[in-house]
Amino acid sequence: MKKPIDNFWNLKLASVKESLENNNFEVFIAQNAKQAKDIAVNDIIPKLDIKSVSWGGSMSFVATGLFHELKDNPDIKVLNTFDRTLSKEEMMDLRRQSLMVDLFITGTNAVTEQGQLVNLDMMGNRVAAIMWGPKTVLLVIGRNKITSDLEEAMFRIKNYAAPVNTMNLDKKTPCSKTGVCHDCDSPDRICNYWTITEKSFVKKRIKIILVNEDLGF
């Protein structure tokens, strides 16, 4: 067989897509980050009545270029939670407002082969928006986030995604120095809110683009 690795991932993504769709998510498959942006811009957003948009922290979202595509859109009210010129109080208020936008875009820490989304948040604004508030949620998920089950998903998050994210954010936590979770009490701890999203309610409210390349942490 030619290109067995490509064939493997095509089969894997198709299987995960089916599992997610059985759980009421609407799912698209992109071969790379650029195609993920094109799907969002051409196939998803035009079918929605979007007057406001915001996002939660997600390297996968940034990698697609969607951030730059949307942040200066004159036709949409953009709540830019990546704006580092804002004060801490202004940023917190913006994150609260983001729970009521028409479209919220982010990623996920893990997705199981059974079609469950698994996340671990510091403040909870990202997972709160996934669960309730925004009319539509769009998740961009690289193939590296796929895990066999919930146990593997939680292990991946605690022992890879969280330590790498603390390093990226320059957090003063033990795992940022050792690369291993210490279940710490650090003021900078980012592991505070676990969520497992079994299904999308309302059906297709949560839309997912599975990307056939590694994205984010």
Protein backbone atom coordinates (compact mmCIF):
# COMPACT_ATOMS: atom_id res chain seq x y z
CA MET A 1 0.00 0.00 0.00
CA LYS A 2 1.27 3.46 -0.91
CA LYS A 3 1.34 6.12 1.82
CA PRO A 4 0.22 3.88 4.71
CA ILE A 5 0.60 6.67 7.27
CA ASP A 6 -1.73 8.93 5.29
CA ASN A 7 -4.19 6.07 4.99
CA PHE A 8 -4.02 5.40 8.73
CA TRP A 9 -4.85 8.99 9.63
CA ASN A 10 -7.62 9.27 7.06
CA LEU A 11 -9.25 6.19 8.57
CA LYS A 12 -8.72 7.45 12.13
CA LEU A 13 -10.22 10.87 11.44
CA ALA A 14 -13.20 9.36 9.62
CA SER A 15 -13.86 7.09 12.61
CA VAL A 16 -13.63 9.94 15.13
CA LYS A 17 -15.86 12.08 12.90
CA GLU A 18 -18.50 9.36 12.93
CA SER A 19 -18.32 9.05 16.73
CA LEU A 20 -18.64 12.81 17.18
CA GLU A 21 -21.57 13.01 14.78
CA ASN A 22 -23.30 10.24 16.72
CA ASN A 23 -22.94 12.55 19.73
CA ASN A 24 -24.71 15.42 17.92
CA PHE A 25 -21.63 17.44 16.95
CA GLU A 26 -21.33 18.77 13.39
CA VAL A 27 -17.95 17.71 12.05
CA PHE A 28 -15.71 18.67 9.14
CA ILE A 29 -12.32 17.24 8.17
CA ALA A 30 -9.48 19.44 6.93
CA GLN A 31 -6.14 18.20 5.65
CA ASN A 32 -4.21 21.12 7.12
CA ALA A 33 -4.59 24.36 9.07
CA LYS A 34 -5.15 26.49 5.96
CA GLN A 35 -7.97 24.25 4.79
CA ALA A 36 -9.47 24.44 8.28
CA LYS A 37 -9.60 28.22 7.94
CA ASP A 38 -11.17 27.92 4.48
CA ILE A 39 -13.85 25.55 5.81
CA ALA A 40 -14.66 27.96 8.63
CA VAL A 41 -14.77 31.03 6.38
CA ASN A 42 -16.54 29.46 3.40
CA ASP A 43 -18.65 26.60 4.74
CA ILE A 44 -19.49 27.33 8.37
CA ILE A 45 -19.64 31.05 9.14
CA PRO A 46 -21.71 32.11 6.05
CA LYS A 47 -24.51 29.78 7.17
CA LEU A 48 -24.71 31.44 10.58
CA ASP A 49 -26.18 34.80 11.53
CA ILE A 50 -22.97 36.14 13.05
CA LYS A 51 -23.01 39.61 14.57
CA SER A 52 -20.44 38.98 17.31
CA VAL A 53 -17.48 36.67 17.77
CA SER A 54 -14.91 35.84 20.42
CA TRP A 55 -12.46 33.09 21.27
CA GLY A 56 -10.72 31.22 24.04
CA GLY A 57 -7.04 30.46 24.33
CA SER A 58 -6.13 27.98 21.59
CA MET A 59 -2.89 27.55 19.67
CA SER A 60 -4.82 25.47 17.13
CA PHE A 61 -7.17 28.38 16.42
CA VAL A 62 -4.23 30.76 15.98
CA ALA A 63 -2.43 28.32 13.67
CA THR A 64 -5.32 28.38 11.18
CA GLY A 65 -5.06 32.13 10.63
CA LEU A 66 -8.71 32.56 11.61
CA PHE A 67 -7.74 35.04 14.31
CA HIS A 68 -6.31 37.48 11.77
CA GLU A 69 -9.18 36.77 9.37
CA LEU A 70 -11.79 37.82 11.93
CA LYS A 71 -10.23 40.27 14.37
CA ASP A 72 -10.56 43.33 12.12
CA ASN A 73 -13.80 42.36 10.38
CA PRO A 74 -15.88 45.58 10.21
CA ASP A 75 -19.13 43.64 9.88
CA ILE A 76 -18.73 41.69 13.12
CA LYS A 77 -18.41 42.87 16.70
CA VAL A 78 -15.14 41.29 17.81
CA LEU A 79 -14.43 40.69 21.48
CA ASN A 80 -10.68 40.17 21.33
CA THR A 81 -9.64 38.26 24.42
CA PHE A 82 -6.08 38.13 23.08
CA ASP A 83 -5.69 41.92 23.46
CA ARG A 84 -2.79 42.27 25.91
CA THR A 85 -3.18 46.05 26.12
CA LEU A 86 -6.24 45.57 28.34
CA SER A 87 -6.01 45.69 32.11
CA LYS A 88 -6.71 42.55 34.12
CA GLU A 89 -10.13 43.90 35.09
CA GLU A 90 -10.99 44.80 31.48
CA MET A 91 -9.87 41.36 30.30
CA MET A 92 -12.03 39.58 32.86
CA ASP A 93 -15.05 41.66 31.86
CA LEU A 94 -14.44 40.89 28.19
CA ARG A 95 -14.29 37.19 28.94
CA ARG A 96 -17.64 37.41 30.70
CA GLN A 97 -19.14 39.23 27.71
CA SER A 98 -17.72 36.52 25.43
CA LEU A 99 -20.15 34.02 26.92
CA MET A 100 -22.97 35.73 25.01
CA VAL A 101 -21.50 36.09 21.52
CA ASP A 102 -22.97 34.51 18.40
CA LEU A 103 -19.81 32.51 17.67
CA PHE A 104 -17.10 31.35 20.07
CA ILE A 105 -13.98 29.69 18.65
CA THR A 106 -11.46 27.61 20.55
CA GLY A 107 -9.81 24.19 20.67
CA THR A 108 -9.91 21.18 22.96
CA ASN A 109 -7.25 19.48 25.07
CA ALA A 110 -8.31 16.01 23.94
CA VAL A 111 -10.97 14.18 21.95
CA THR A 112 -11.64 10.49 22.53
CA GLU A 113 -12.29 7.90 19.87
CA GLN A 114 -15.78 7.61 21.40
CA GLY A 115 -16.45 11.24 20.48
CA GLN A 116 -16.03 12.98 23.84
CA LEU A 117 -14.31 16.33 24.36
CA VAL A 118 -12.04 16.55 27.40
CA ASN A 119 -10.71 19.84 28.74
CA LEU A 120 -8.86 21.28 31.71
CA ASP A 121 -9.04 25.04 32.27
CA MET A 122 -7.43 27.60 34.52
CA MET A 123 -10.28 30.13 34.87
CA GLY A 124 -13.09 28.23 33.18
CA ASN A 125 -14.09 30.82 30.59
CA ARG A 126 -13.16 28.54 27.68
CA VAL A 127 -14.98 25.46 28.95
CA ALA A 128 -17.93 27.55 30.14
CA ALA A 129 -18.43 28.85 26.59
CA ILE A 130 -18.24 25.34 25.16
CA MET A 131 -21.01 24.23 27.52
CA TRP A 132 -23.37 27.21 27.44
CA GLY A 133 -23.80 30.80 26.32
CA PRO A 134 -22.58 31.44 22.76
CA LYS A 135 -25.13 30.51 20.10
CA THR A 136 -22.53 28.52 18.18
CA VAL A 137 -19.16 27.07 19.19
CA LEU A 138 -16.45 26.14 16.71
CA LEU A 139 -13.59 23.90 17.82
CA VAL A 140 -10.41 23.36 15.79
CA ILE A 141 -8.82 20.03 16.72
CA GLY A 142 -5.53 18.63 15.43
CA ARG A 143 -5.09 14.89 15.07
CA ASN A 144 -2.58 14.88 17.95
CA LYS A 145 -5.48 15.48 20.36
CA ILE A 146 -7.10 12.10 19.62
CA THR A 147 -6.96 9.59 22.48
CA SER A 148 -8.30 6.07 22.85
CA ASP A 149 -10.49 6.81 25.88
CA LEU A 150 -11.13 9.15 28.81
CA GLU A 151 -8.28 7.75 30.89
CA GLU A 152 -5.75 8.40 28.15
CA ALA A 153 -7.26 11.84 27.51
CA MET A 154 -6.83 12.90 31.13
CA PHE A 155 -3.32 11.47 31.29
CA ARG A 156 -2.38 13.34 28.11
CA ILE A 157 -3.69 16.62 29.47
CA LYS A 158 -2.05 16.40 32.90
CA ASN A 159 1.27 15.02 31.71
CA TYR A 160 1.78 16.78 28.39
CA ALA A 161 -0.66 19.56 27.45
CA ALA A 162 -0.68 21.27 30.86
CA PRO A 163 3.10 21.28 31.45
CA VAL A 164 3.79 22.49 27.91
CA ASN A 165 1.15 25.21 28.26
CA THR A 166 2.66 26.45 31.54
CA MET A 167 6.00 26.74 29.76
CA ASN A 168 4.37 28.62 26.88
CA LEU A 169 2.67 31.02 29.30
CA ASP A 170 5.74 31.40 31.55
CA LYS A 171 3.80 30.19 34.57
CA LYS A 172 5.71 29.63 37.81
CA THR A 173 4.56 26.07 38.44
CA PRO A 174 6.60 22.96 39.27
CA CYS A 175 5.61 21.28 35.99
CA SER A 176 7.06 24.15 33.97
CA LYS A 177 10.47 23.17 35.38
CA THR A 178 10.15 19.39 35.41
CA GLY A 179 7.64 18.62 32.64
CA VAL A 180 5.73 16.43 35.11
CA CYS A 181 2.45 17.19 36.92
CA HIS A 182 2.94 17.69 40.68
CA ASP A 183 -0.73 18.40 41.50
CA CYS A 184 0.60 21.68 42.82
CA ASP A 185 -0.84 24.50 44.92
CA SER A 186 0.94 27.20 42.93
CA PRO A 187 -0.90 30.53 42.47
CA ASP A 188 -0.12 30.06 38.77
CA ARG A 189 -1.75 26.62 38.60
CA ILE A 190 -3.70 26.24 35.34
CA CYS A 191 -5.35 22.90 36.18
CA ASN A 192 -8.58 23.89 37.92
CA TYR A 193 -11.70 22.99 35.93
CA TRP A 194 -12.20 19.59 34.31
CA THR A 195 -15.01 19.14 31.78
CA ILE A 196 -16.12 16.17 29.73
CA THR A 197 -18.50 17.04 26.91
CA GLU A 198 -20.37 13.88 25.99
CA LYS A 199 -22.77 15.38 23.44
CA SER A 200 -23.68 18.67 21.79
CA PHE A 201 -26.91 20.20 23.02
CA VAL A 202 -28.57 21.71 21.02
CA LYS A 203 -27.69 19.30 18.16
CA LYS A 204 -24.94 20.78 15.94
CA ARG A 205 -24.50 23.81 18.22
CA ILE A 206 -20.89 22.68 18.62
CA LYS A 207 -19.11 22.44 15.29
CA ILE A 208 -15.75 20.74 14.96
CA ILE A 209 -13.02 20.86 12.35
CA LEU A 210 -10.74 17.85 12.68
CA VAL A 211 -7.38 18.66 11.13
CA ASN A 212 -5.12 16.01 9.61
CA GLU A 213 -1.96 17.43 11.14
CA ASP A 214 -0.65 18.18 14.64
CA LEU A 215 -1.90 21.48 16.03
CA GLY A 216 -1.47 23.09 19.42
CA PHE A 217 -0.60 21.30 22.62
